[in-house]
Protein backbone atom coordinates (compact mmCIF):
# COMPACT_ATOMS: atom_id res chain seq x y z
CA MET A 1 90.88 93.08 124.29
CA SER A 2 91.49 91.00 127.40
CA ASN A 3 91.23 87.62 125.68
CA LYS A 4 93.43 88.40 122.68
CA GLN A 5 96.88 89.80 122.10
CA GLN A 6 97.14 93.59 122.15
CA PHE A 7 99.87 94.58 119.72
CA GLN A 8 102.11 97.52 120.49
CA ARG A 9 103.78 100.03 118.20
CA ALA A 10 107.10 98.18 118.54
CA GLN A 11 105.58 95.24 116.66
CA PHE A 12 105.43 97.43 113.54
CA ASP A 13 109.22 97.62 113.48
CA GLN A 14 109.42 93.86 113.84
CA VAL A 15 107.08 92.82 111.03
CA MET A 16 106.46 95.75 108.67
CA VAL A 17 108.58 97.17 105.86
CA PRO A 18 110.00 100.45 107.24
CA ASN A 19 108.57 102.77 104.58
CA TYR A 20 106.16 104.31 107.12
CA ALA A 21 106.80 105.89 110.50
CA PRO A 22 103.42 105.67 112.24
CA ALA A 23 102.65 107.39 115.53
CA ASN A 24 102.65 105.42 118.76
CA VAL A 25 98.86 105.69 118.98
CA ILE A 26 97.01 102.60 117.70
CA PRO A 27 93.33 103.42 117.10
CA VAL A 28 90.94 100.52 117.54
CA ARG A 29 87.48 102.09 117.18
CA GLY A 30 85.89 105.06 115.46
CA GLU A 31 82.45 106.63 115.38
CA GLY A 32 81.63 109.79 113.47
CA SER A 33 84.56 112.18 113.86
CA ARG A 34 85.90 110.60 117.05
CA VAL A 35 88.40 107.76 117.38
CA TRP A 36 89.56 105.78 120.41
CA ASP A 37 92.91 104.05 120.91
CA GLN A 38 93.84 100.85 122.74
CA GLN A 39 93.84 102.66 126.08
CA GLY A 40 90.46 104.25 125.44
CA GLN A 41 91.86 107.71 124.83
CA GLU A 42 89.60 109.73 122.53
CA PHE A 43 90.77 111.73 119.51
CA ILE A 44 88.91 114.16 117.29
CA ASP A 45 89.62 113.37 113.65
CA PHE A 46 90.59 116.35 111.48
CA ALA A 47 92.58 114.03 109.18
CA GLY A 48 89.86 111.84 107.72
CA GLY A 49 92.33 109.12 106.79
CA ILE A 50 93.90 111.65 104.37
CA ALA A 51 90.62 112.89 102.87
CA VAL A 52 89.15 109.36 102.73
CA ASN A 53 86.62 109.13 105.57
CA CYS A 54 84.26 111.64 103.99
CA LEU A 55 81.34 110.53 106.16
CA GLY A 56 83.37 109.86 109.28
CA HIS A 57 83.92 106.47 110.88
CA CYS A 58 81.33 103.68 110.77
CA HIS A 59 78.57 105.75 109.21
CA PRO A 60 75.40 103.65 109.65
CA LYS A 61 74.43 103.84 105.95
CA LEU A 62 77.89 102.59 104.87
CA THR A 63 77.99 99.91 107.53
CA ALA A 64 74.56 98.68 106.44
CA ALA A 65 75.55 98.64 102.76
CA LEU A 66 78.68 96.61 103.53
CA GLN A 67 76.81 94.14 105.73
CA GLU A 68 74.01 93.68 103.21
CA GLN A 69 76.36 93.11 100.27
CA GLY A 70 78.58 90.92 102.43
CA GLN A 71 75.72 88.44 102.67
CA LYS A 72 75.24 88.37 98.89
CA LEU A 73 78.37 88.45 96.73
CA TRP A 74 81.98 89.43 97.41
CA HIS A 75 83.87 88.89 94.17
CA LEU A 76 83.36 87.75 90.60
CA SER A 77 86.21 89.15 88.49
CA ASN A 78 85.45 91.10 85.34
CA VAL A 79 84.65 87.96 83.38
CA MET A 80 81.17 88.92 84.57
CA THR A 81 79.70 92.20 85.74
CA ASN A 82 77.67 92.85 88.87
CA GLU A 83 74.75 95.01 89.95
CA PRO A 84 76.58 97.26 92.45
CA ALA A 85 79.20 98.15 89.82
CA LEU A 86 76.55 98.97 87.23
CA ALA A 87 74.61 101.05 89.76
CA LEU A 88 77.72 103.00 90.79
CA ALA A 89 78.87 103.62 87.23
CA THR A 90 75.38 104.84 86.34
CA LYS A 91 75.42 107.26 89.30
CA LEU A 92 78.85 108.62 88.34
CA VAL A 93 77.76 109.17 84.75
CA GLU A 94 74.53 110.86 85.86
CA HIS A 95 76.32 113.27 88.20
CA THR A 96 79.35 114.21 86.05
CA PHE A 97 80.47 115.08 82.51
CA ALA A 98 81.42 111.46 81.89
CA ASP A 99 79.83 108.81 79.69
CA LYS A 100 82.02 105.89 80.70
CA VAL A 101 83.61 104.56 83.90
CA TYR A 102 86.53 102.22 84.64
CA PHE A 103 86.91 100.89 88.20
CA ALA A 104 90.15 100.27 90.06
CA ASN A 105 91.23 100.05 93.71
CA SER A 106 93.33 103.14 94.39
CA GLY A 107 94.05 106.61 93.10
CA ALA A 108 97.36 105.48 91.65
CA GLU A 109 95.62 102.74 89.67
CA ALA A 110 92.99 105.15 88.36
CA ASN A 111 95.76 107.54 87.31
CA GLU A 112 97.72 104.72 85.70
CA ALA A 113 94.63 103.90 83.65
CA ALA A 114 94.14 107.55 82.71
CA LEU A 115 97.73 107.92 81.52
CA LYS A 116 97.64 104.69 79.53
CA LEU A 117 94.36 105.73 77.96
CA ALA A 118 95.74 109.15 76.99
CA ARG A 119 98.78 107.57 75.34
CA ARG A 120 96.63 105.00 73.51
CA TYR A 121 94.15 107.66 72.36
CA ALA A 122 96.97 109.82 70.97
CA GLN A 123 98.68 106.90 69.23
CA ASP A 124 95.47 105.67 67.63
CA ASN A 125 94.44 109.10 66.39
CA TYR A 126 97.68 110.98 65.73
CA GLY A 127 100.57 108.49 65.51
CA THR A 128 103.41 107.24 67.65
CA ASP A 129 105.22 110.59 68.13
CA LYS A 130 102.43 112.15 70.21
CA THR A 131 103.52 110.89 73.64
CA GLU A 132 104.44 113.86 75.84
CA ILE A 133 102.66 114.14 79.17
CA ILE A 134 102.84 117.56 80.79
CA ALA A 135 102.48 117.61 84.57
CA PHE A 136 103.37 120.09 87.29
CA ASN A 137 105.94 120.61 90.00
CA GLN A 138 104.79 119.46 93.45
CA GLY A 139 101.96 117.48 91.91
CA PHE A 140 101.17 114.03 93.29
CA HIS A 141 99.53 111.26 91.30
CA GLY A 142 100.38 108.03 93.11
CA ARG A 143 103.22 105.59 93.76
CA THR A 144 103.27 103.29 90.76
CA PHE A 145 106.38 103.91 88.70
CA PHE A 146 104.44 105.67 85.94
CA THR A 147 102.30 107.83 88.25
CA VAL A 148 105.14 108.72 90.60
CA THR A 149 107.20 109.83 87.61
CA VAL A 150 104.36 112.02 86.37
CA GLY A 151 104.04 113.44 89.88
CA GLY A 152 106.19 116.52 90.33
CA GLN A 153 108.24 115.51 93.37
CA ALA A 154 111.50 113.91 92.33
CA ALA A 155 112.23 112.68 95.85
CA TYR A 156 109.43 110.13 95.44
CA SER A 157 110.59 108.83 92.05
CA ASP A 158 114.39 108.99 92.27
CA GLY A 159 116.43 105.92 93.10
CA PHE A 160 114.47 103.23 91.28
CA GLY A 161 116.36 103.15 88.01
CA PRO A 162 115.36 104.51 84.60
CA LYS A 163 112.05 106.35 84.68
CA PRO A 164 109.24 106.19 82.13
CA GLN A 165 109.99 108.68 79.39
CA GLY A 166 108.06 111.51 77.81
CA VAL A 167 107.09 113.39 80.97
CA THR A 168 107.65 117.16 81.30
CA HIS A 169 107.18 119.08 84.55
CA LEU A 170 106.28 122.77 84.64
CA PRO A 171 105.55 125.29 87.40
CA TYR A 172 101.94 125.09 88.59
CA ASN A 173 99.79 128.12 87.72
CA ASP A 174 102.39 129.39 85.20
CA VAL A 175 100.49 130.09 81.98
CA ALA A 176 103.54 131.37 80.10
CA ALA A 177 105.55 128.22 80.84
CA LEU A 178 102.66 126.08 79.66
CA GLU A 179 102.23 128.07 76.44
CA ALA A 180 105.94 127.68 75.73
CA GLN A 181 105.92 123.90 76.21
CA VAL A 182 102.69 122.52 74.74
CA SER A 183 103.07 121.24 71.19
CA ASP A 184 101.51 118.79 68.78
CA LYS A 185 103.63 116.11 70.48
CA THR A 186 101.75 116.64 73.76
CA CYS A 187 99.21 113.88 74.36
CA ALA A 188 97.94 114.98 77.78
CA ILE A 189 98.13 117.68 80.43
CA MET A 190 97.62 116.19 83.89
CA LEU A 191 96.97 118.21 87.03
CA GLU A 192 95.21 118.41 90.36
CA PRO A 193 92.72 121.30 90.35
CA LEU A 194 93.83 121.83 93.94
CA GLN A 195 97.25 120.40 94.78
CA GLY A 196 97.01 118.27 97.91
CA GLU A 197 100.35 116.73 98.88
CA GLY A 198 102.12 119.66 97.22
CA GLY A 199 100.90 122.14 99.82
CA ILE A 200 97.15 122.80 99.32
CA ILE A 201 97.48 125.14 96.34
CA ASN A 202 94.49 126.17 94.22
CA ALA A 203 94.74 126.36 90.47
CA THR A 204 93.92 129.88 89.30
CA PRO A 205 90.97 130.31 86.92
CA GLU A 206 93.36 131.76 84.31
CA PHE A 207 95.59 128.72 84.53
CA LEU A 208 92.74 126.24 84.13
CA THR A 209 91.36 128.16 81.16
CA ALA A 210 94.81 128.11 79.56
CA VAL A 211 95.14 124.35 80.15
CA ARG A 212 91.88 123.71 78.34
CA ARG A 213 92.61 126.16 75.52
CA LEU A 214 96.11 124.86 74.83
CA ALA A 215 95.05 121.22 75.05
CA ASP A 216 92.31 121.85 72.51
CA LYS A 217 94.67 123.73 70.22
CA HIS A 218 97.14 120.83 70.13
CA ASN A 219 94.69 117.89 70.30
CA ALA A 220 95.84 116.92 73.78
CA LEU A 221 93.66 115.54 76.58
CA VAL A 222 93.13 117.21 79.95
CA ILE A 223 93.35 114.80 82.89
CA PHE A 224 92.07 116.02 86.26
CA ASP A 225 93.40 114.06 89.21
CA GLU A 226 90.56 114.46 91.68
CA VAL A 227 91.65 111.65 93.95
CA GLN A 228 91.87 114.05 96.90
CA THR A 229 89.53 116.85 95.78
CA GLY A 230 86.64 114.67 94.67
CA VAL A 231 83.43 113.39 96.26
CA GLY A 232 82.32 116.64 97.87
CA ARG A 233 85.61 117.71 99.39
CA THR A 234 85.48 121.24 97.90
CA GLY A 235 81.73 121.74 98.29
CA LYS A 236 80.91 120.41 94.82
CA LEU A 237 80.82 116.73 93.93
CA TYR A 238 84.02 117.26 91.94
CA ALA A 239 86.29 120.29 91.99
CA TYR A 240 86.10 120.82 88.22
CA MET A 241 82.51 121.90 88.87
CA ASN A 242 83.90 124.99 90.63
CA SER A 243 85.73 125.99 87.45
CA ALA A 244 84.89 127.10 83.93
CA ILE A 245 86.40 124.01 82.32
CA VAL A 246 85.63 120.33 81.98
CA PRO A 247 88.38 117.70 81.76
CA ASP A 248 88.50 114.85 79.23
CA ILE A 249 89.46 112.29 81.88
CA LEU A 250 88.88 112.49 85.64
CA THR A 251 90.20 110.18 88.34
CA THR A 252 88.55 109.65 91.70
CA ALA A 253 89.38 107.46 94.70
CA LYS A 254 90.01 108.18 98.41
CA ALA A 255 86.56 109.38 99.55
CA LEU A 256 84.67 107.42 96.88
CA GLY A 257 84.42 104.41 99.19
CA GLY A 258 84.33 106.37 102.43
CA GLY A 259 87.18 104.18 103.68
CA PHE A 260 86.65 101.06 101.56
CA PRO A 261 89.27 100.83 98.77
CA ILE A 262 87.84 101.80 95.40
CA ALA A 263 88.76 104.16 92.55
CA ALA A 264 87.37 105.14 89.19
CA MET A 265 88.47 106.75 85.96
CA LEU A 266 85.76 108.75 84.20
CA THR A 267 85.81 109.81 80.56
CA THR A 268 83.78 110.27 77.39
CA THR A 269 82.53 107.60 75.01
CA ALA A 270 84.88 108.71 72.22
CA ILE A 271 87.98 108.56 74.38
CA ALA A 272 86.96 105.40 76.25
CA ALA A 273 86.68 103.53 72.95
CA HIS A 274 90.47 103.30 72.83
CA LEU A 275 90.63 100.94 75.81
CA LYS A 276 89.38 98.00 73.80
CA VAL A 277 88.92 94.53 75.26
CA GLY A 278 92.20 93.30 76.70
CA THR A 279 94.07 96.63 76.72
CA HIS A 280 93.75 97.23 80.46
CA GLY A 281 92.24 95.56 83.50
CA SER A 282 92.09 95.01 87.25
CA THR A 283 91.30 91.84 89.17
CA TYR A 284 89.45 93.66 91.95
CA GLY A 285 88.22 96.66 89.92
CA GLY A 286 84.44 96.92 90.26
CA ASN A 287 84.38 94.62 93.28
CA PRO A 288 80.77 94.22 94.50
CA LEU A 289 81.59 95.00 98.15
CA ALA A 290 83.46 98.19 97.26
CA CYS A 291 80.83 99.33 94.78
CA ALA A 292 77.99 98.72 97.23
CA VAL A 293 79.68 100.92 99.81
CA ALA A 294 80.53 103.59 97.23
CA ASN A 295 76.90 103.67 96.10
CA ALA A 296 75.90 104.49 99.66
CA VAL A 297 78.62 107.16 99.85
CA LEU A 298 77.39 108.92 96.73
CA ASP A 299 73.78 108.76 97.90
CA GLU A 300 74.78 110.64 101.05
CA ILE A 301 77.28 113.09 99.55
CA CYS A 302 74.98 114.14 96.70
CA GLN A 303 72.36 115.44 99.11
CA PRO A 304 72.29 119.26 98.71
CA GLN A 305 72.45 119.86 102.45
CA VAL A 306 75.66 117.81 102.72
CA LEU A 307 77.42 119.75 99.96
CA ALA A 308 76.17 123.09 101.33
CA GLY A 309 77.38 122.05 104.77
CA VAL A 310 80.95 121.70 103.49
CA SER A 311 81.20 125.44 102.83
CA GLN A 312 79.62 126.25 106.20
CA ARG A 313 82.17 124.08 107.97
CA GLU A 314 84.99 125.63 105.95
CA GLN A 315 84.04 129.04 107.36
CA MET A 316 84.11 127.64 110.91
CA PHE A 317 87.60 126.27 110.32
CA ARG A 318 88.85 129.50 108.76
CA ALA A 319 87.44 131.63 111.58
CA GLY A 320 88.86 129.32 114.23
CA LEU A 321 92.31 129.18 112.65
CA ALA A 322 92.33 132.98 112.27
CA ALA A 323 91.51 133.37 115.96
CA ILE A 324 94.34 130.99 116.91
CA ASN A 325 96.73 132.85 114.65
CA ASP A 326 95.76 136.22 116.16
CA LYS A 327 97.05 134.88 119.47
CA TYR A 328 100.12 132.95 118.41
CA GLN A 329 101.23 134.34 115.03
CA VAL A 330 102.36 131.05 113.45
CA PHE A 331 100.57 131.00 110.09
CA LYS A 332 101.21 133.01 106.96
CA GLU A 333 97.87 132.11 105.37
CA VAL A 334 95.17 129.44 105.16
CA ARG A 335 94.85 127.93 101.68
CA GLY A 336 92.50 125.49 100.05
CA GLN A 337 88.80 125.07 99.48
CA GLY A 338 85.94 123.37 101.28
CA LEU A 339 87.28 120.89 103.81
CA LEU A 340 90.71 120.52 102.23
CA LEU A 341 92.55 123.30 104.03
CA GLY A 342 96.20 124.05 104.65
CA ALA A 343 97.54 126.37 107.35
CA VAL A 344 100.84 127.62 105.95
CA LEU A 345 103.54 128.23 108.55
CA ASN A 346 105.22 131.62 108.56
CA ASP A 347 108.97 132.09 108.26
CA LYS A 348 109.55 131.79 112.00
CA TYR A 349 108.06 128.29 112.06
CA ALA A 350 109.08 127.16 108.57
CA GLY A 351 109.89 123.46 108.25
CA ARG A 352 108.14 122.51 111.50
CA SER A 353 104.75 121.21 110.37
CA ARG A 354 105.39 117.75 111.83
CA GLU A 355 105.89 119.31 115.28
CA PHE A 356 102.37 120.71 115.08
CA LEU A 357 101.04 117.29 114.02
CA LEU A 358 102.73 115.52 116.94
CA ALA A 359 101.66 118.19 119.42
CA SER A 360 98.09 117.77 118.17
CA ILE A 361 98.20 114.03 118.87
CA ASP A 362 99.29 114.82 122.43
CA GLN A 363 96.16 116.99 122.74
CA GLY A 364 93.80 114.34 121.36
CA LEU A 365 93.57 115.63 117.80
CA MET A 366 94.37 113.88 114.51
CA SER A 367 95.64 116.25 111.79
CA LEU A 368 97.86 116.04 108.70
CA ILE A 369 100.71 117.82 107.01
CA ALA A 370 101.30 118.70 103.35
CA GLY A 371 105.05 119.07 103.23
CA PRO A 372 107.25 120.65 105.90
CA ASN A 373 105.45 124.01 105.95
CA VAL A 374 101.74 123.20 105.86
CA VAL A 375 99.41 121.76 108.49
CA ARG A 376 96.56 120.10 106.57
CA PHE A 377 92.98 119.44 107.60
CA ALA A 378 90.68 117.03 105.71
CA PRO A 379 87.95 116.00 108.14
CA SER A 380 84.64 114.29 107.55
CA LEU A 381 82.37 116.40 105.36
CA ILE A 382 79.62 116.00 107.96
CA ILE A 383 81.78 116.56 111.06
CA PRO A 384 79.49 117.95 113.79
CA GLU A 385 80.03 121.62 114.57
CA ALA A 386 80.67 120.72 118.21
CA ASP A 387 83.57 118.51 117.10
CA ILE A 388 85.01 121.36 115.02
CA THR A 389 84.85 123.67 118.03
CA GLU A 390 86.42 121.14 120.38
CA GLY A 391 89.01 120.07 117.80
CA LEU A 392 90.09 123.66 117.23
CA ALA A 393 90.41 124.12 121.00
CA ARG A 394 92.71 121.11 121.12
CA PHE A 395 94.64 122.44 118.12
CA GLU A 396 95.09 125.76 119.91
CA ARG A 397 96.62 123.92 122.87
CA ALA A 398 98.94 122.12 120.43
CA VAL A 399 99.98 125.42 118.84
CA ALA A 400 100.60 126.88 122.29
CA ALA A 401 102.81 123.90 123.16
CA VAL A 402 104.91 124.30 119.99
CA VAL A 403 105.27 128.05 120.51
CA ALA A 404 106.31 127.51 124.15
CA ALA A 405 108.83 124.76 123.32
């Protein structure tokens, strides 16, 4: 760094829109589940870029895929197709319920496509009155105006003027509320099979079964937002595979590119037919660079030992967090599945999750929060066991610091 300018955190306030409040640490290099900042301080990464870096930082297979494609073809637009996009779509179809794939750049864009498709499918088949989208409180589906309105956190959608209409929010996991609301005017039921931003809350089997049953009864589509739960995060390639139901539309992003921006919407041939030529699109969707990297990601994640290793690592995390809690009594429970886990603060520490995050940074650990009461962990799916052990030791020191404050 000696021969070029080293930017400091203060520069963010000078040149960036103030919608984020990043930490003072500025990472400059990562390898596996370790990251180093400008001063060379090392951090263990339990955050995974918010469930994105599913194979850690600079995985050699992903780096090689990016470098190889970078010498061939970067961008074409969808006036033509490209080999990496066709290869990736074929893999996604082979490994899931889906017949058809649409590529975008982010989870919000994939969800936008899913919602538009559901509305178009309902209009084409059942008329213009079938527009209601049912979603759930504390859900999160992105930051476009449509997706943030469908998301169940009003604080994210208020203050921008009139919202898109026809969206109903219900309590998550409440079968009775769902039964009372679904009607022949419902075009789609959209949910995360495991709520991420909303606090790491699993859908119950009874709830998922009711979603599928009621959607079928009223000719509505089931949309699974697997932006955070997908690509091995729960120990299966997609979380729906842990359940007894299959969605009609599934969205995936975050981990799909292992850190390179890419997203996809997956669906069946019959439903996909309603996005005819010209009805939807994306300049960068299906970008050859992104698809080449995502192909390498799927090749790694789909190995049985990688998926099996997720559950093994989950047990290490749960045991370690239980041991910490036995000493310090700060958590009410640990929720989640696979390597998307949330340590829920008890009443004594309610509202203080950010303090635990900041204390972790001081101890050389990157973690996350999911609201004011949940400390969230979403590390690499192949994080070495030694890094889990050391990271939990650092987290214990962070907990001790918060308790002593």
